[in-house]
Protein backbone atom coordinates (compact mmCIF):
# COMPACT_ATOMS: atom_id res chain seq x y z
CA MET A 1 -15.29 -46.96 -150.68
CA LEU A 2 -19.35 -47.64 -150.77
CA GLY A 3 -19.81 -44.38 -148.84
CA PRO A 4 -20.08 -42.14 -152.46
CA ILE A 5 -22.02 -44.95 -154.14
CA ASN A 6 -24.27 -45.30 -151.46
CA LYS A 7 -24.84 -41.41 -151.13
CA LEU A 8 -25.56 -41.44 -154.99
CA LEU A 9 -28.19 -44.48 -154.60
CA SER A 10 -29.57 -42.37 -152.37
CA ALA A 11 -29.93 -39.20 -153.81
CA LEU A 12 -31.83 -41.18 -156.77
CA GLN A 13 -33.91 -42.76 -154.50
CA SER A 14 -34.78 -39.44 -152.55
CA ASP A 15 -37.55 -36.92 -153.31
CA ALA A 16 -35.21 -34.66 -155.04
CA SER A 17 -36.46 -33.21 -158.21
CA PRO A 18 -34.58 -34.58 -161.39
CA TRP A 19 -33.21 -30.96 -162.41
CA GLN A 20 -31.35 -30.64 -159.11
CA LEU A 21 -29.70 -34.20 -159.70
CA ALA A 22 -29.07 -33.26 -163.32
CA TRP A 23 -27.67 -29.60 -162.68
CA GLY A 24 -25.56 -31.01 -159.65
CA PHE A 25 -24.30 -33.76 -162.00
CA SER A 26 -23.25 -31.35 -164.86
CA LEU A 27 -21.51 -29.11 -162.09
CA GLY A 28 -19.96 -32.32 -161.23
CA MET A 29 -18.35 -32.42 -164.64
CA VAL A 30 -17.31 -28.93 -164.89
CA LEU A 31 -15.50 -29.90 -161.71
CA GLY A 32 -14.12 -33.22 -162.97
CA LEU A 33 -12.95 -31.64 -166.37
CA THR A 34 -10.88 -28.84 -165.30
CA PRO A 35 -8.09 -28.57 -163.09
CA LEU A 36 -8.79 -27.83 -159.68
CA TRP A 37 -7.87 -23.74 -159.56
CA LEU A 38 -9.99 -20.47 -158.78
CA PRO A 39 -12.73 -20.77 -161.29
CA SER A 40 -13.37 -24.76 -160.31
CA ILE A 41 -13.69 -23.23 -156.49
CA LEU A 42 -16.24 -20.87 -157.88
CA ILE A 43 -18.30 -23.83 -159.20
CA LEU A 44 -17.91 -25.74 -155.85
CA PHE A 45 -19.22 -22.81 -153.98
CA LEU A 46 -22.09 -22.80 -156.62
CA ILE A 47 -22.77 -26.50 -155.42
CA LEU A 48 -23.01 -25.64 -152.31
CA VAL A 49 -25.02 -22.41 -152.25
CA LEU A 50 -27.67 -23.81 -155.29
CA ARG A 51 -30.20 -26.05 -154.90
CA VAL A 52 -28.20 -29.10 -156.38
CA ASN A 53 -27.98 -32.42 -155.43
CA VAL A 54 -24.42 -32.83 -153.73
CA GLY A 55 -24.45 -36.37 -154.05
CA THR A 56 -24.62 -36.75 -157.61
CA ALA A 57 -22.25 -33.42 -158.08
CA LEU A 58 -19.43 -35.95 -156.54
CA ALA A 59 -20.81 -38.51 -158.51
CA GLY A 60 -20.11 -36.49 -161.87
CA TRP A 61 -16.87 -34.92 -160.50
CA ALA A 62 -14.92 -38.93 -160.02
CA LEU A 63 -16.38 -40.04 -163.14
CA PHE A 64 -15.51 -36.90 -165.64
CA GLY A 65 -12.49 -36.73 -163.37
CA GLY A 66 -11.49 -40.15 -164.74
CA LEU A 67 -12.62 -39.22 -168.21
CA SER A 68 -10.32 -36.08 -167.88
CA LEU A 69 -7.35 -37.75 -168.38
CA GLY A 70 -8.56 -39.28 -171.64
CA LEU A 71 -9.54 -35.75 -172.90
CA ALA A 72 -6.33 -34.33 -171.94
CA PRO A 73 -4.59 -34.06 -175.12
CA TRP A 74 -7.54 -32.85 -177.03
CA ALA A 75 -7.81 -30.45 -175.08
CA HIS A 76 -4.15 -29.32 -174.99
CA GLN A 77 -4.91 -29.17 -178.53
CA VAL A 78 -7.88 -26.86 -178.55
CA GLY A 79 -6.30 -24.65 -175.97
CA GLU A 80 -3.26 -24.23 -178.04
CA TRP A 81 -4.89 -23.76 -181.22
CA TRP A 82 -7.05 -21.22 -179.71
CA LEU A 83 -4.21 -19.21 -177.82
CA LEU A 84 -1.95 -19.05 -180.67
CA HIS A 85 -4.92 -18.15 -183.27
CA PRO A 86 -3.49 -14.85 -184.65
CA GLU A 87 -6.92 -13.48 -184.80
CA TRP A 88 -7.78 -13.66 -181.21
CA ALA A 89 -3.96 -12.59 -180.10
CA SER A 90 -5.18 -8.74 -179.27
CA THR A 91 -8.21 -10.58 -177.01
CA TRP A 92 -5.61 -12.64 -174.96
CA THR A 93 -3.67 -9.79 -174.75
CA SER A 94 -6.05 -7.20 -173.78
CA LEU A 95 -7.33 -9.86 -171.15
CA TYR A 96 -4.19 -10.36 -169.96
CA GLN A 97 -3.61 -7.12 -168.45
CA TYR A 98 -5.89 -7.59 -165.68
CA ARG A 99 -5.30 -9.50 -162.58
CA LEU A 100 -8.27 -11.76 -162.25
CA TRP A 101 -7.62 -13.20 -165.85
CA GLN A 102 -3.98 -13.89 -165.00
CA ILE A 103 -5.05 -15.69 -161.73
CA ALA A 104 -8.08 -18.02 -163.41
CA HIS A 105 -4.68 -19.34 -165.62
CA LEU A 106 -6.56 -19.41 -168.79
CA HIS A 107 -2.93 -19.18 -170.27
CA HIS A 108 -2.22 -22.39 -170.00
CA THR A 109 -3.48 -24.54 -172.91
CA LEU A 110 -4.80 -27.69 -170.76
CA THR A 111 -7.01 -25.10 -168.64
CA LEU A 112 -8.34 -23.32 -171.82
CA GLY A 113 -8.71 -26.52 -173.40
CA SER A 114 -10.42 -28.00 -170.44
CA TRP A 115 -13.00 -25.28 -169.71
CA VAL A 116 -13.75 -25.19 -173.58
CA PHE A 117 -15.18 -29.05 -173.46
CA ALA A 118 -16.86 -28.28 -170.05
CA VAL A 119 -18.92 -25.29 -171.44
CA LEU A 120 -19.68 -27.27 -174.49
CA LEU A 121 -20.47 -30.19 -172.67
CA PHE A 122 -22.29 -28.34 -169.49
CA VAL A 123 -25.91 -28.07 -171.09
CA PRO A 124 -26.29 -31.25 -173.18
CA VAL A 125 -24.83 -33.43 -169.95
CA ALA A 126 -27.95 -31.80 -168.01
CA PHE A 127 -30.76 -32.38 -170.41
CA LEU A 128 -29.28 -36.19 -170.99
CA SER A 129 -29.03 -36.66 -166.97
CA LYS A 130 -32.36 -34.93 -166.22
CA ALA A 131 -33.65 -37.65 -169.10
CA MET A 132 -31.81 -40.60 -167.22
CA VAL A 133 -33.44 -40.11 -163.87
CA PRO A 134 -36.41 -41.53 -164.34
CA VAL A 135 -35.07 -44.16 -166.27
CA ILE A 136 -32.54 -45.33 -163.60
CA ARG A 137 -35.23 -45.02 -160.55
CA ALA A 138 -37.60 -47.18 -163.07
CA ARG A 139 -35.52 -49.63 -164.12
CA VAL A 140 -31.73 -49.70 -162.38
CA ILE A 141 -32.48 -48.94 -158.61
CA PRO A 142 -34.93 -51.81 -158.07
CA LYS A 143 -32.55 -54.08 -159.69
CA LEU A 144 -29.66 -52.89 -157.67
CA GLN A 145 -31.93 -53.31 -154.45
CA ARG A 146 -31.56 -57.04 -154.99
CA TYR A 147 -28.08 -57.19 -154.44
CA HIS A 148 -26.77 -58.03 -151.09
CA LEU A 149 -23.89 -55.46 -151.06
CA VAL A 150 -26.22 -52.89 -151.49
CA ARG A 151 -28.37 -53.93 -148.75
CA THR A 152 -25.48 -54.50 -146.68
CA SER A 153 -23.65 -51.33 -147.17
CA LYS A 154 -27.10 -49.55 -146.32
CA GLY A 155 -26.96 -51.59 -142.83
CA ALA A 156 -23.56 -50.41 -142.13
CA GLY A 157 -24.17 -47.41 -142.31
CA LEU A 158 -27.32 -47.79 -140.38
CA PHE A 159 -25.18 -49.55 -137.66
CA SER A 160 -22.68 -46.73 -137.54
CA ARG A 161 -25.29 -44.28 -137.64
CA ALA A 162 -27.00 -45.71 -134.25
CA PHE A 163 -23.81 -46.75 -132.46
CA GLY A 164 -21.56 -43.91 -133.55
CA PHE A 165 -22.18 -42.00 -130.72
CA TRP A 166 -19.72 -44.49 -128.35
CA ARG A 167 -16.86 -43.63 -130.58
CA GLY A 168 -16.56 -40.17 -128.85
């Protein structure tokens, strides 16, 4: 359980730029808010290809994955409103003639509403997390270094790396 937290702390302490951390967190937010299907796999591919921090992407995925459970009723309502809106009926009909849009599952109300939330929050979350990185580095990380649990988890990680070759 301490592994992901340790990766996040080491990512925040690394020399990675605040933008790398912020865009990783935002892409993780998209993964957390949306159901895991083909478009989410493309986002996961972007995380691996672009120069973003994977640790912060995993943290964003975990955080917003938990928040998505609370947002699900609203995402369902937004998706249902947009799919049933009379002015959009011809657009949805023409899009769903293509197999790619059928595979994307945007005809599901929860999926469509989740993607709407993810797209609307993507840039604000990136800018907010970019602004928070220097604050976390200056104020939170030094305070966390004083706790015994953080030092112990670092020591356990060093120990397992140093003696992990014996496990075979």
